[in-house]
All heavy atoms as atom14 arrays in JSON, in Angstrom:
{
  "sequence": "TYREMYFEGGISSVYLWDLDDEPSGKETSFAGVVLMKKTLA",
  "atom14_mask": [
    [1, 1, 1, 1, 1, 1, 1, 0, 0, 0, 0, 0, 0, 0],
    [1, 1, 1, 1, 1, 1, 1, 1, 1, 1, 1, 1, 0, 0],
    [1, 1, 1, 1, 1, 1, 1, 1, 1, 1, 1, 0, 0, 0],
    [1, 1, 1, 1, 1, 1, 1, 1, 1, 0, 0, 0, 0, 0],
    [1, 1, 1, 1, 1, 1, 1, 1, 0, 0, 0, 0, 0, 0],
    [1, 1, 1, 1, 1, 1, 1, 1, 1, 1, 1, 1, 0, 0],
    [1, 1, 1, 1, 1, 1, 1, 1, 1, 1, 1, 0, 0, 0],
    [1, 1, 1, 1, 1, 1, 1, 1, 1, 0, 0, 0, 0, 0],
    [1, 1, 1, 1, 0, 0, 0, 0, 0, 0, 0, 0, 0, 0],
    [1, 1, 1, 1, 0, 0, 0, 0, 0, 0, 0, 0, 0, 0],
    [1, 1, 1, 1, 1, 1, 1, 1, 0, 0, 0, 0, 0, 0],
    [1, 1, 1, 1, 1, 1, 0, 0, 0, 0, 0, 0, 0, 0],
    [1, 1, 1, 1, 1, 1, 0, 0, 0, 0, 0, 0, 0, 0],
    [1, 1, 1, 1, 1, 1, 1, 0, 0, 0, 0, 0, 0, 0],
    [1, 1, 1, 1, 1, 1, 1, 1, 1, 1, 1, 1, 0, 0],
    [1, 1, 1, 1, 1, 1, 1, 1, 0, 0, 0, 0, 0, 0],
    [1, 1, 1, 1, 1, 1, 1, 1, 1, 1, 1, 1, 1, 1],
    [1, 1, 1, 1, 1, 1, 1, 1, 0, 0, 0, 0, 0, 0],
    [1, 1, 1, 1, 1, 1, 1, 1, 0, 0, 0, 0, 0, 0],
    [1, 1, 1, 1, 1, 1, 1, 1, 0, 0, 0, 0, 0, 0],
    [1, 1, 1, 1, 1, 1, 1, 1, 0, 0, 0, 0, 0, 0],
    [1, 1, 1, 1, 1, 1, 1, 1, 1, 0, 0, 0, 0, 0],
    [1, 1, 1, 1, 1, 1, 1, 0, 0, 0, 0, 0, 0, 0],
    [1, 1, 1, 1, 1, 1, 0, 0, 0, 0, 0, 0, 0, 0],
    [1, 1, 1, 1, 0, 0, 0, 0, 0, 0, 0, 0, 0, 0],
    [1, 1, 1, 1, 1, 1, 1, 1, 1, 0, 0, 0, 0, 0],
    [1, 1, 1, 1, 1, 1, 1, 1, 1, 0, 0, 0, 0, 0],
    [1, 1, 1, 1, 1, 1, 1, 0, 0, 0, 0, 0, 0, 0],
    [1, 1, 1, 1, 1, 1, 0, 0, 0, 0, 0, 0, 0, 0],
    [1, 1, 1, 1, 1, 1, 1, 1, 1, 1, 1, 0, 0, 0],
    [1, 1, 1, 1, 1, 0, 0, 0, 0, 0, 0, 0, 0, 0],
    [1, 1, 1, 1, 0, 0, 0, 0, 0, 0, 0, 0, 0, 0],
    [1, 1, 1, 1, 1, 1, 1, 0, 0, 0, 0, 0, 0, 0],
    [1, 1, 1, 1, 1, 1, 1, 0, 0, 0, 0, 0, 0, 0],
    [1, 1, 1, 1, 1, 1, 1, 1, 0, 0, 0, 0, 0, 0],
    [1, 1, 1, 1, 1, 1, 1, 1, 0, 0, 0, 0, 0, 0],
    [1, 1, 1, 1, 1, 1, 1, 1, 1, 0, 0, 0, 0, 0],
    [1, 1, 1, 1, 1, 1, 1, 1, 1, 0, 0, 0, 0, 0],
    [1, 1, 1, 1, 1, 1, 1, 0, 0, 0, 0, 0, 0, 0],
    [1, 1, 1, 1, 1, 1, 1, 1, 0, 0, 0, 0, 0, 0],
    [1, 1, 1, 1, 1, 0, 0, 0, 0, 0, 0, 0, 0, 0]
  ],
  "atom14_positions": [
    [[4.34, -143.21, -93.82], [3.06, -142.88, -93.27], [2.95, -141.51, -92.59], [2.15, -140.69, -92.69], [2.56, -143.97, -92.26], [2.64, -145.22, -92.97], [1.18, -143.71, -91.73], [0.0, 0.0, 0.0], [0.0, 0.0, 0.0], [0.0, 0.0, 0.0], [0.0, 0.0, 0.0], [0.0, 0.0, 0.0], [0.0, 0.0, 0.0], [0.0, 0.0, 0.0]],
    [[4.09, -141.31, -91.82], [4.23, -139.93, -91.1], [4.24, -138.82, -92.16], [3.63, -137.84, -91.95], [5.49, -140.03, -90.36], [5.89, -138.67, -89.72], [5.6, -138.25, -88.49], [6.73, -137.81, -90.46], [6.03, -137.05, -87.94], [7.15, -136.61, -89.91], [6.83, -136.22, -88.65], [7.18, -135.01, -88.12], [0.0, 0.0, 0.0], [0.0, 0.0, 0.0]],
    [[4.98, -138.95, -93.24], [5.07, -137.95, -94.26], [3.71, -137.77, -94.82], [3.29, -136.51, -95.03], [6.07, -138.42, -95.25], [6.02, -137.56, -96.6], [6.73, -138.2, -97.71], [6.06, -139.51, -97.96], [4.97, -139.68, -98.69], [4.25, -138.6, -99.02], [4.52, -140.89, -98.83], [0.0, 0.0, 0.0], [0.0, 0.0, 0.0], [0.0, 0.0, 0.0]],
    [[2.94, -138.74, -95.05], [1.63, -138.46, -95.72], [0.62, -137.76, -94.74], [-0.13, -137.09, -95.14], [1.05, -139.93, -96.09], [-0.23, -139.77, -97.01], [0.06, -139.07, -98.35], [1.13, -139.25, -98.9], [-0.69, -138.28, -98.79], [0.0, 0.0, 0.0], [0.0, 0.0, 0.0], [0.0, 0.0, 0.0], [0.0, 0.0, 0.0], [0.0, 0.0, 0.0]],
    [[0.74, -138.09, -93.51], [-0.14, -137.58, -92.55], [0.14, -135.99, -92.26], [-0.7, -135.21, -92.21], [-0.09, -138.23, -91.21], [-0.54, -139.66, -91.13], [-0.29, -140.54, -89.6], [-1.2, -139.52, -88.46], [0.0, 0.0, 0.0], [0.0, 0.0, 0.0], [0.0, 0.0, 0.0], [0.0, 0.0, 0.0], [0.0, 0.0, 0.0], [0.0, 0.0, 0.0]],
    [[1.47, -135.67, -92.16], [1.83, -134.33, -91.86], [2.14, -133.45, -92.97], [1.75, -132.21, -92.97], [3.06, -134.35, -90.96], [2.86, -134.48, -89.46], [2.98, -135.82, -88.9], [2.48, -133.45, -88.68], [2.75, -135.99, -87.59], [2.14, -133.76, -87.32], [2.41, -134.98, -86.71], [2.08, -135.24, -85.48], [0.0, 0.0, 0.0], [0.0, 0.0, 0.0]],
    [[2.6, -133.98, -94.11], [2.91, -133.13, -95.24], [1.97, -133.37, -96.36], [2.01, -132.56, -97.34], [4.39, -133.56, -95.78], [5.42, -133.21, -94.81], [5.86, -133.99, -93.78], [6.16, -131.95, -94.96], [6.86, -133.62, -92.97], [7.18, -131.6, -94.19], [7.46, -132.44, -93.16], [0.0, 0.0, 0.0], [0.0, 0.0, 0.0], [0.0, 0.0, 0.0]],
    [[1.18, -134.33, -96.39], [0.14, -134.64, -97.46], [0.92, -134.65, -98.78], [0.37, -133.92, -99.82], [-0.98, -133.66, -97.44], [-1.74, -133.74, -96.11], [-2.92, -132.65, -96.09], [-3.03, -131.93, -97.08], [-3.65, -132.68, -95.14], [0.0, 0.0, 0.0], [0.0, 0.0, 0.0], [0.0, 0.0, 0.0], [0.0, 0.0, 0.0], [0.0, 0.0, 0.0]],
    [[2.01, -135.3, -98.96], [2.71, -135.41, -100.14], [4.22, -135.35, -99.89], [4.66, -135.51, -98.68], [0.0, 0.0, 0.0], [0.0, 0.0, 0.0], [0.0, 0.0, 0.0], [0.0, 0.0, 0.0], [0.0, 0.0, 0.0], [0.0, 0.0, 0.0], [0.0, 0.0, 0.0], [0.0, 0.0, 0.0], [0.0, 0.0, 0.0], [0.0, 0.0, 0.0]],
    [[5.07, -134.97, -100.77], [6.45, -134.95, -100.66], [7.11, -136.26, -100.59], [6.58, -137.3, -101.04], [0.0, 0.0, 0.0], [0.0, 0.0, 0.0], [0.0, 0.0, 0.0], [0.0, 0.0, 0.0], [0.0, 0.0, 0.0], [0.0, 0.0, 0.0], [0.0, 0.0, 0.0], [0.0, 0.0, 0.0], [0.0, 0.0, 0.0], [0.0, 0.0, 0.0]],
    [[8.34, -136.41, -100.16], [9.22, -137.57, -100.11], [9.9, -137.68, -98.87], [10.32, -136.65, -98.31], [10.18, -137.52, -101.33], [9.54, -137.24, -102.76], [10.96, -138.85, -101.5], [10.54, -137.0, -103.83], [0.0, 0.0, 0.0], [0.0, 0.0, 0.0], [0.0, 0.0, 0.0], [0.0, 0.0, 0.0], [0.0, 0.0, 0.0], [0.0, 0.0, 0.0]],
    [[10.03, -138.91, -98.45], [10.92, -139.2, -97.18], [11.87, -140.4, -97.43], [11.52, -141.23, -98.27], [9.93, -139.52, -96.1], [9.15, -140.64, -96.28], [0.0, 0.0, 0.0], [0.0, 0.0, 0.0], [0.0, 0.0, 0.0], [0.0, 0.0, 0.0], [0.0, 0.0, 0.0], [0.0, 0.0, 0.0], [0.0, 0.0, 0.0], [0.0, 0.0, 0.0]],
    [[12.83, -140.28, -96.73], [13.87, -141.42, -96.75], [14.55, -141.48, -95.4], [14.82, -140.52, -94.68], [14.91, -141.18, -97.89], [14.32, -141.11, -99.07], [0.0, 0.0, 0.0], [0.0, 0.0, 0.0], [0.0, 0.0, 0.0], [0.0, 0.0, 0.0], [0.0, 0.0, 0.0], [0.0, 0.0, 0.0], [0.0, 0.0, 0.0], [0.0, 0.0, 0.0]],
    [[14.87, -142.72, -94.99], [15.66, -142.99, -93.75], [16.91, -143.87, -94.11], [16.78, -144.83, -94.8], [14.75, -143.71, -92.74], [15.51, -143.9, -91.48], [13.46, -142.93, -92.45], [0.0, 0.0, 0.0], [0.0, 0.0, 0.0], [0.0, 0.0, 0.0], [0.0, 0.0, 0.0], [0.0, 0.0, 0.0], [0.0, 0.0, 0.0], [0.0, 0.0, 0.0]],
    [[17.98, -143.46, -93.49], [19.2, -144.27, -93.77], [19.82, -144.48, -92.41], [19.98, -143.57, -91.55], [20.19, -143.47, -94.65], [19.6, -143.17, -96.03], [19.15, -141.9, -96.29], [19.49, -144.1, -96.95], [18.54, -141.54, -97.49], [19.03, -143.9, -98.28], [18.37, -142.6, -98.5], [17.89, -142.33, -99.7], [0.0, 0.0, 0.0], [0.0, 0.0, 0.0]],
    [[20.35, -145.67, -92.18], [21.04, -146.14, -91.02], [22.4, -146.61, -91.23], [22.66, -147.14, -92.39], [20.31, -147.19, -90.23], [18.73, -146.89, -89.95], [18.21, -148.2, -89.17], [18.62, -145.66, -88.99], [0.0, 0.0, 0.0], [0.0, 0.0, 0.0], [0.0, 0.0, 0.0], [0.0, 0.0, 0.0], [0.0, 0.0, 0.0], [0.0, 0.0, 0.0]],
    [[23.38, -146.52, -90.24], [24.63, -147.05, -90.41], [25.26, -147.44, -89.04], [24.88, -146.9, -88.05], [25.61, -146.08, -91.14], [25.74, -144.68, -90.5], [26.76, -144.35, -89.5], [24.93, -143.61, -90.68], [26.47, -143.08, -89.12], [25.46, -142.53, -89.9], [23.94, -143.32, -91.54], [24.87, -141.22, -89.88], [23.41, -142.01, -91.53], [23.81, -141.06, -90.72]],
    [[26.09, -148.37, -89.1], [26.56, -148.99, -87.85], [27.67, -148.09, -87.25], [28.49, -147.63, -87.97], [27.13, -150.4, -87.96], [26.07, -151.36, -88.48], [25.27, -151.93, -87.57], [25.95, -151.69, -89.63], [0.0, 0.0, 0.0], [0.0, 0.0, 0.0], [0.0, 0.0, 0.0], [0.0, 0.0, 0.0], [0.0, 0.0, 0.0], [0.0, 0.0, 0.0]],
    [[27.69, -147.9, -85.95], [28.69, -147.18, -85.26], [29.82, -148.12, -84.78], [30.95, -147.74, -84.59], [28.2, -146.39, -84.04], [27.2, -145.23, -84.39], [26.67, -144.5, -83.13], [27.96, -144.15, -85.29], [0.0, 0.0, 0.0], [0.0, 0.0, 0.0], [0.0, 0.0, 0.0], [0.0, 0.0, 0.0], [0.0, 0.0, 0.0], [0.0, 0.0, 0.0]],
    [[29.43, -149.31, -84.59], [30.41, -150.48, -84.25], [31.04, -151.01, -85.51], [30.33, -151.44, -86.44], [29.77, -151.49, -83.32], [29.23, -150.93, -82.07], [29.77, -149.94, -81.46], [28.14, -151.4, -81.66], [0.0, 0.0, 0.0], [0.0, 0.0, 0.0], [0.0, 0.0, 0.0], [0.0, 0.0, 0.0], [0.0, 0.0, 0.0], [0.0, 0.0, 0.0]],
    [[32.29, -151.26, -85.56], [32.97, -151.83, -86.64], [32.44, -153.34, -86.95], [32.22, -153.7, -88.02], [34.51, -151.94, -86.54], [35.05, -150.47, -86.56], [34.47, -149.59, -87.08], [36.13, -150.21, -85.91], [0.0, 0.0, 0.0], [0.0, 0.0, 0.0], [0.0, 0.0, 0.0], [0.0, 0.0, 0.0], [0.0, 0.0, 0.0], [0.0, 0.0, 0.0]],
    [[32.26, -154.0, -85.86], [31.66, -155.35, -85.9], [30.56, -155.5, -84.89], [30.78, -155.96, -83.71], [32.76, -156.4, -85.69], [33.95, -156.3, -86.67], [34.94, -157.47, -86.38], [34.73, -158.19, -85.42], [35.98, -157.55, -87.13], [0.0, 0.0, 0.0], [0.0, 0.0, 0.0], [0.0, 0.0, 0.0], [0.0, 0.0, 0.0], [0.0, 0.0, 0.0]],
    [[29.41, -155.06, -85.29], [28.22, -155.14, -84.25], [27.94, -156.58, -83.78], [27.78, -157.49, -84.7], [27.05, -154.54, -85.16], [27.46, -154.72, -86.63], [28.88, -154.63, -86.62], [0.0, 0.0, 0.0], [0.0, 0.0, 0.0], [0.0, 0.0, 0.0], [0.0, 0.0, 0.0], [0.0, 0.0, 0.0], [0.0, 0.0, 0.0], [0.0, 0.0, 0.0]],
    [[27.85, -156.72, -82.49], [27.61, -158.03, -81.96], [27.01, -157.84, -80.66], [27.16, -156.71, -79.97], [28.94, -158.85, -81.84], [29.92, -158.23, -81.03], [0.0, 0.0, 0.0], [0.0, 0.0, 0.0], [0.0, 0.0, 0.0], [0.0, 0.0, 0.0], [0.0, 0.0, 0.0], [0.0, 0.0, 0.0], [0.0, 0.0, 0.0], [0.0, 0.0, 0.0]],
    [[26.38, -158.86, -80.14], [25.76, -158.82, -78.77], [24.34, -158.07, -78.82], [23.9, -157.75, -79.95], [0.0, 0.0, 0.0], [0.0, 0.0, 0.0], [0.0, 0.0, 0.0], [0.0, 0.0, 0.0], [0.0, 0.0, 0.0], [0.0, 0.0, 0.0], [0.0, 0.0, 0.0], [0.0, 0.0, 0.0], [0.0, 0.0, 0.0], [0.0, 0.0, 0.0]],
    [[23.69, -158.01, -77.75], [22.35, -157.48, -77.64], [22.37, -155.97, -77.73], [21.49, -155.39, -78.22], [21.64, -158.06, -76.44], [21.34, -159.56, -76.45], [20.65, -159.96, -75.24], [20.3, -161.47, -75.26], [19.62, -161.95, -74.07], [0.0, 0.0, 0.0], [0.0, 0.0, 0.0], [0.0, 0.0, 0.0], [0.0, 0.0, 0.0], [0.0, 0.0, 0.0]],
    [[23.35, -155.24, -77.03], [23.39, -153.95, -77.04], [24.2, -153.41, -78.18], [25.35, -153.72, -78.33], [23.87, -153.37, -75.68], [23.03, -153.79, -74.47], [23.61, -153.18, -73.23], [24.62, -152.52, -73.35], [22.97, -153.52, -72.14], [0.0, 0.0, 0.0], [0.0, 0.0, 0.0], [0.0, 0.0, 0.0], [0.0, 0.0, 0.0], [0.0, 0.0, 0.0]],
    [[23.5, -152.55, -78.95], [24.23, -152.03, -80.19], [24.04, -150.54, -80.22], [23.18, -149.92, -79.6], [23.59, -152.62, -81.46], [22.16, -152.26, -81.5], [23.71, -154.1, -81.49], [0.0, 0.0, 0.0], [0.0, 0.0, 0.0], [0.0, 0.0, 0.0], [0.0, 0.0, 0.0], [0.0, 0.0, 0.0], [0.0, 0.0, 0.0], [0.0, 0.0, 0.0]],
    [[25.03, -149.99, -81.01], [24.95, -148.47, -81.28], [25.0, -148.22, -82.74], [25.69, -148.87, -83.44], [26.17, -147.86, -80.54], [26.21, -147.99, -79.21], [0.0, 0.0, 0.0], [0.0, 0.0, 0.0], [0.0, 0.0, 0.0], [0.0, 0.0, 0.0], [0.0, 0.0, 0.0], [0.0, 0.0, 0.0], [0.0, 0.0, 0.0], [0.0, 0.0, 0.0]],
    [[24.02, -147.38, -83.13], [23.99, -147.03, -84.56], [23.67, -145.54, -84.74], [23.09, -144.91, -83.72], [23.0, -147.98, -85.27], [21.55, -147.86, -84.83], [20.61, -146.88, -85.43], [21.04, -148.52, -83.77], [19.39, -146.75, -85.04], [19.75, -148.37, -83.33], [18.86, -147.52, -83.95], [0.0, 0.0, 0.0], [0.0, 0.0, 0.0], [0.0, 0.0, 0.0]],
    [[23.73, -145.15, -85.89], [23.31, -143.72, -86.22], [22.46, -143.72, -87.42], [22.38, -144.81, -88.23], [24.49, -142.86, -86.36], [0.0, 0.0, 0.0], [0.0, 0.0, 0.0], [0.0, 0.0, 0.0], [0.0, 0.0, 0.0], [0.0, 0.0, 0.0], [0.0, 0.0, 0.0], [0.0, 0.0, 0.0], [0.0, 0.0, 0.0], [0.0, 0.0, 0.0]],
    [[21.74, -142.54, -87.73], [20.93, -142.58, -88.85], [20.48, -141.2, -89.21], [20.84, -140.2, -88.48], [0.0, 0.0, 0.0], [0.0, 0.0, 0.0], [0.0, 0.0, 0.0], [0.0, 0.0, 0.0], [0.0, 0.0, 0.0], [0.0, 0.0, 0.0], [0.0, 0.0, 0.0], [0.0, 0.0, 0.0], [0.0, 0.0, 0.0], [0.0, 0.0, 0.0]],
    [[19.75, -141.1, -90.22], [19.24, -139.73, -90.64], [17.74, -139.89, -91.27], [17.6, -140.96, -92.03], [20.1, -139.05, -91.72], [20.35, -139.81, -92.95], [19.64, -137.57, -92.07], [0.0, 0.0, 0.0], [0.0, 0.0, 0.0], [0.0, 0.0, 0.0], [0.0, 0.0, 0.0], [0.0, 0.0, 0.0], [0.0, 0.0, 0.0], [0.0, 0.0, 0.0]],
    [[16.88, -139.11, -90.92], [15.54, -139.02, -91.44], [15.48, -137.84, -92.33], [15.69, -136.69, -91.94], [14.5, -139.0, -90.37], [13.12, -139.01, -90.83], [14.62, -140.34, -89.44], [0.0, 0.0, 0.0], [0.0, 0.0, 0.0], [0.0, 0.0, 0.0], [0.0, 0.0, 0.0], [0.0, 0.0, 0.0], [0.0, 0.0, 0.0], [0.0, 0.0, 0.0]],
    [[15.03, -137.98, -93.57], [15.01, -136.88, -94.52], [13.6, -136.66, -94.98], [12.81, -137.63, -95.16], [15.84, -137.16, -95.76], [17.28, -137.59, -95.46], [17.89, -137.95, -96.82], [18.02, -136.48, -94.88], [0.0, 0.0, 0.0], [0.0, 0.0, 0.0], [0.0, 0.0, 0.0], [0.0, 0.0, 0.0], [0.0, 0.0, 0.0], [0.0, 0.0, 0.0]],
    [[13.15, -135.32, -95.0], [11.87, -134.98, -95.55], [11.96, -133.89, -96.52], [12.73, -133.03, -96.32], [10.88, -134.56, -94.33], [10.76, -135.54, -93.27], [9.4, -136.73, -93.63], [9.47, -137.78, -92.08], [0.0, 0.0, 0.0], [0.0, 0.0, 0.0], [0.0, 0.0, 0.0], [0.0, 0.0, 0.0], [0.0, 0.0, 0.0], [0.0, 0.0, 0.0]],
    [[11.23, -134.0, -97.54], [11.16, -132.9, -98.55], [9.81, -132.72, -99.16], [9.11, -133.58, -99.49], [12.14, -133.15, -99.67], [12.31, -132.06, -100.7], [13.32, -132.34, -101.83], [13.49, -131.12, -102.77], [14.4, -130.07, -102.09], [0.0, 0.0, 0.0], [0.0, 0.0, 0.0], [0.0, 0.0, 0.0], [0.0, 0.0, 0.0], [0.0, 0.0, 0.0]],
    [[9.29, -131.47, -99.17], [8.04, -131.11, -99.66], [8.16, -129.89, -100.56], [8.72, -128.87, -100.14], [6.98, -130.88, -98.57], [5.59, -130.3, -99.12], [4.87, -131.35, -99.84], [3.51, -130.89, -100.38], [2.56, -130.65, -99.25], [0.0, 0.0, 0.0], [0.0, 0.0, 0.0], [0.0, 0.0, 0.0], [0.0, 0.0, 0.0], [0.0, 0.0, 0.0]],
    [[7.78, -129.96, -101.77], [7.85, -128.85, -102.8], [6.51, -128.4, -103.07], [5.65, -129.16, -103.51], [8.59, -129.23, -104.02], [9.98, -129.69, -103.65], [8.78, -128.19, -105.01], [0.0, 0.0, 0.0], [0.0, 0.0, 0.0], [0.0, 0.0, 0.0], [0.0, 0.0, 0.0], [0.0, 0.0, 0.0], [0.0, 0.0, 0.0], [0.0, 0.0, 0.0]],
    [[6.33, -126.99, -103.04], [5.06, -126.43, -103.44], [5.19, -125.71, -104.72], [5.89, -124.62, -104.77], [4.58, -125.43, -102.37], [3.36, -124.58, -102.72], [2.16, -125.45, -102.75], [3.1, -123.46, -101.69], [0.0, 0.0, 0.0], [0.0, 0.0, 0.0], [0.0, 0.0, 0.0], [0.0, 0.0, 0.0], [0.0, 0.0, 0.0], [0.0, 0.0, 0.0]],
    [[4.75, -126.27, -105.7], [4.8, -125.69, -107.08], [3.44, -125.1, -107.54], [2.47, -125.46, -107.03], [5.18, -126.78, -108.09], [0.0, 0.0, 0.0], [0.0, 0.0, 0.0], [0.0, 0.0, 0.0], [0.0, 0.0, 0.0], [0.0, 0.0, 0.0], [0.0, 0.0, 0.0], [0.0, 0.0, 0.0], [0.0, 0.0, 0.0], [0.0, 0.0, 0.0]]
  ]
}
């Protein structure tokens, strides 16, 4: 939705991965990446 509002097209993807080898408990740590691409042809 963010991509459509700001870029009016293009492609977006989000990927997450765990920073803890065995995530457990309420408090967790993780990392991720938000990707945006818009091509003007």
